[in-house]
Amino acid sequence: MDRKNARKYVERGLEAPKYGQRKQNTMFGDRLATYLRERVKAWTARRLFREI
């Protein structure tokens, strides 16, 4: 928390917000690998290479 925000909460007598855990994002490589696996099933390797 930034000190300016902390000062604001202390001055107003407010409690600092409690944040939950962040949702984990899938990595780009994982999404790309999934996409490529689907494309390999659908098309030949030569056509897939041209698409990339």
N, C-alpha and C. Protein backbone atom coordinates (compact mmCIF):
# COMPACT_ATOMS: atom_id res chain seq x y z
N MET A 1 0.85 -1.17 0.00
CA MET A 1 0.00 0.00 0.00
C MET A 1 0.90 1.23 0.00
N ASP A 2 0.53 2.20 -0.77
CA ASP A 2 1.27 3.45 -0.86
C ASP A 2 1.11 4.23 0.44
N ARG A 3 2.15 4.97 0.81
CA ARG A 3 2.08 5.71 2.09
C ARG A 3 1.01 6.78 2.08
N LYS A 4 0.72 7.36 0.90
CA LYS A 4 -0.34 8.37 0.84
C LYS A 4 -1.70 7.74 1.14
N ASN A 5 -1.91 6.55 0.61
CA ASN A 5 -3.17 5.86 0.89
C ASN A 5 -3.25 5.46 2.35
N ALA A 6 -2.13 5.00 2.90
CA ALA A 6 -2.11 4.61 4.32
C ALA A 6 -2.43 5.82 5.19
N ARG A 7 -1.86 6.96 4.84
CA ARG A 7 -2.12 8.19 5.61
C ARG A 7 -3.61 8.54 5.55
N LYS A 8 -4.20 8.39 4.38
CA LYS A 8 -5.63 8.70 4.21
C LYS A 8 -6.47 7.81 5.13
N TYR A 9 -6.16 6.53 5.18
CA TYR A 9 -6.93 5.62 6.03
C TYR A 9 -6.75 5.95 7.51
N VAL A 10 -5.52 6.30 7.90
CA VAL A 10 -5.26 6.62 9.31
C VAL A 10 -5.98 7.90 9.70
N GLU A 11 -5.93 8.91 8.83
CA GLU A 11 -6.59 10.19 9.14
C GLU A 11 -8.09 10.05 9.26
N ARG A 12 -8.68 9.23 8.42
CA ARG A 12 -10.14 9.07 8.43
C ARG A 12 -10.60 8.00 9.42
N GLY A 13 -9.65 7.30 10.02
CA GLY A 13 -10.00 6.26 10.98
C GLY A 13 -10.61 5.04 10.31
N LEU A 14 -10.28 4.84 9.07
CA LEU A 14 -10.81 3.69 8.33
C LEU A 14 -9.85 2.51 8.40
N GLU A 15 -10.40 1.36 8.18
CA GLU A 15 -9.58 0.15 8.13
C GLU A 15 -9.09 -0.04 6.71
N ALA A 16 -7.87 -0.46 6.58
CA ALA A 16 -7.30 -0.69 5.25
C ALA A 16 -8.06 -1.84 4.58
N PRO A 17 -8.24 -1.76 3.27
CA PRO A 17 -8.96 -2.83 2.57
C PRO A 17 -8.17 -4.13 2.60
N LYS A 18 -8.89 -5.22 2.64
CA LYS A 18 -8.25 -6.54 2.62
C LYS A 18 -8.54 -7.16 1.25
N TYR A 19 -7.47 -7.45 0.57
CA TYR A 19 -7.60 -8.00 -0.77
C TYR A 19 -7.44 -9.51 -0.74
N GLY A 20 -8.20 -10.18 -1.57
CA GLY A 20 -8.08 -11.62 -1.68
C GLY A 20 -6.97 -12.00 -2.63
N GLN A 21 -6.80 -13.29 -2.81
CA GLN A 21 -5.78 -13.77 -3.72
C GLN A 21 -6.17 -13.48 -5.15
N ARG A 22 -5.17 -13.22 -5.98
CA ARG A 22 -5.41 -12.97 -7.39
C ARG A 22 -5.67 -14.28 -8.11
N LYS A 23 -6.49 -14.17 -9.14
CA LYS A 23 -6.75 -15.33 -9.98
C LYS A 23 -5.53 -15.57 -10.86
N GLN A 24 -5.09 -16.82 -10.92
CA GLN A 24 -3.93 -17.12 -11.73
C GLN A 24 -4.30 -17.14 -13.19
N ASN A 25 -3.52 -16.46 -13.99
CA ASN A 25 -3.75 -16.44 -15.43
C ASN A 25 -2.99 -17.58 -16.08
N THR A 26 -3.58 -18.13 -17.12
CA THR A 26 -2.86 -19.15 -17.86
C THR A 26 -1.78 -18.46 -18.67
N MET A 27 -0.68 -19.10 -18.78
CA MET A 27 0.42 -18.52 -19.53
C MET A 27 0.13 -18.58 -21.02
N PHE A 28 0.69 -17.64 -21.76
CA PHE A 28 0.46 -17.56 -23.19
C PHE A 28 0.92 -18.85 -23.87
N GLY A 29 2.04 -19.40 -23.44
CA GLY A 29 2.56 -20.63 -24.03
C GLY A 29 1.59 -21.79 -23.88
N ASP A 30 0.91 -21.86 -22.75
CA ASP A 30 -0.07 -22.93 -22.52
C ASP A 30 -1.24 -22.79 -23.48
N ARG A 31 -1.71 -21.57 -23.65
CA ARG A 31 -2.83 -21.35 -24.57
C ARG A 31 -2.42 -21.65 -26.00
N LEU A 32 -1.19 -21.27 -26.36
CA LEU A 32 -0.70 -21.52 -27.71
C LEU A 32 -0.55 -23.02 -27.96
N ALA A 33 -0.04 -23.74 -26.98
CA ALA A 33 0.14 -25.18 -27.13
C ALA A 33 -1.21 -25.87 -27.31
N THR A 34 -2.21 -25.45 -26.57
CA THR A 34 -3.55 -26.02 -26.71
C THR A 34 -4.10 -25.75 -28.10
N TYR A 35 -3.92 -24.53 -28.57
CA TYR A 35 -4.39 -24.16 -29.90
C TYR A 35 -3.68 -25.00 -30.96
N LEU A 36 -2.38 -25.15 -30.84
CA LEU A 36 -1.63 -25.92 -31.83
C LEU A 36 -2.03 -27.39 -31.84
N ARG A 37 -2.28 -27.96 -30.67
CA ARG A 37 -2.72 -29.36 -30.63
C ARG A 37 -4.05 -29.54 -31.37
N GLU A 38 -4.96 -28.60 -31.19
CA GLU A 38 -6.25 -28.68 -31.89
C GLU A 38 -6.06 -28.56 -33.39
N ARG A 39 -5.17 -27.66 -33.80
CA ARG A 39 -4.93 -27.45 -35.23
C ARG A 39 -4.25 -28.66 -35.86
N VAL A 40 -3.34 -29.31 -35.15
CA VAL A 40 -2.65 -30.50 -35.68
C VAL A 40 -3.66 -31.61 -35.94
N LYS A 41 -4.63 -31.74 -35.06
CA LYS A 41 -5.67 -32.76 -35.26
C LYS A 41 -6.51 -32.46 -36.49
N ALA A 42 -6.72 -31.17 -36.76
CA ALA A 42 -7.61 -30.78 -37.85
C ALA A 42 -6.91 -30.73 -39.21
N TRP A 43 -5.65 -30.33 -39.24
CA TRP A 43 -4.96 -30.09 -40.51
C TRP A 43 -3.64 -30.84 -40.59
N THR A 44 -3.05 -30.80 -41.76
CA THR A 44 -1.74 -31.39 -41.95
C THR A 44 -0.67 -30.44 -41.40
N ALA A 45 0.52 -30.96 -41.18
CA ALA A 45 1.61 -30.16 -40.63
C ALA A 45 2.01 -29.04 -41.58
N ARG A 46 1.99 -29.30 -42.88
CA ARG A 46 2.39 -28.28 -43.85
C ARG A 46 1.46 -27.08 -43.80
N ARG A 47 0.17 -27.33 -43.72
CA ARG A 47 -0.80 -26.23 -43.66
C ARG A 47 -0.68 -25.47 -42.34
N LEU A 48 -0.44 -26.20 -41.25
CA LEU A 48 -0.25 -25.57 -39.95
C LEU A 48 0.99 -24.66 -39.98
N PHE A 49 2.06 -25.14 -40.59
CA PHE A 49 3.29 -24.33 -40.67
C PHE A 49 3.03 -23.05 -41.46
N ARG A 50 2.27 -23.14 -42.55
CA ARG A 50 1.95 -21.95 -43.34
C ARG A 50 1.10 -20.97 -42.52
N GLU A 51 0.22 -21.50 -41.67
CA GLU A 51 -0.65 -20.65 -40.86
C GLU A 51 0.16 -19.88 -39.81
N ILE A 52 1.14 -20.53 -39.26
CA ILE A 52 1.97 -19.88 -38.23
C ILE A 52 2.83 -18.84 -38.89
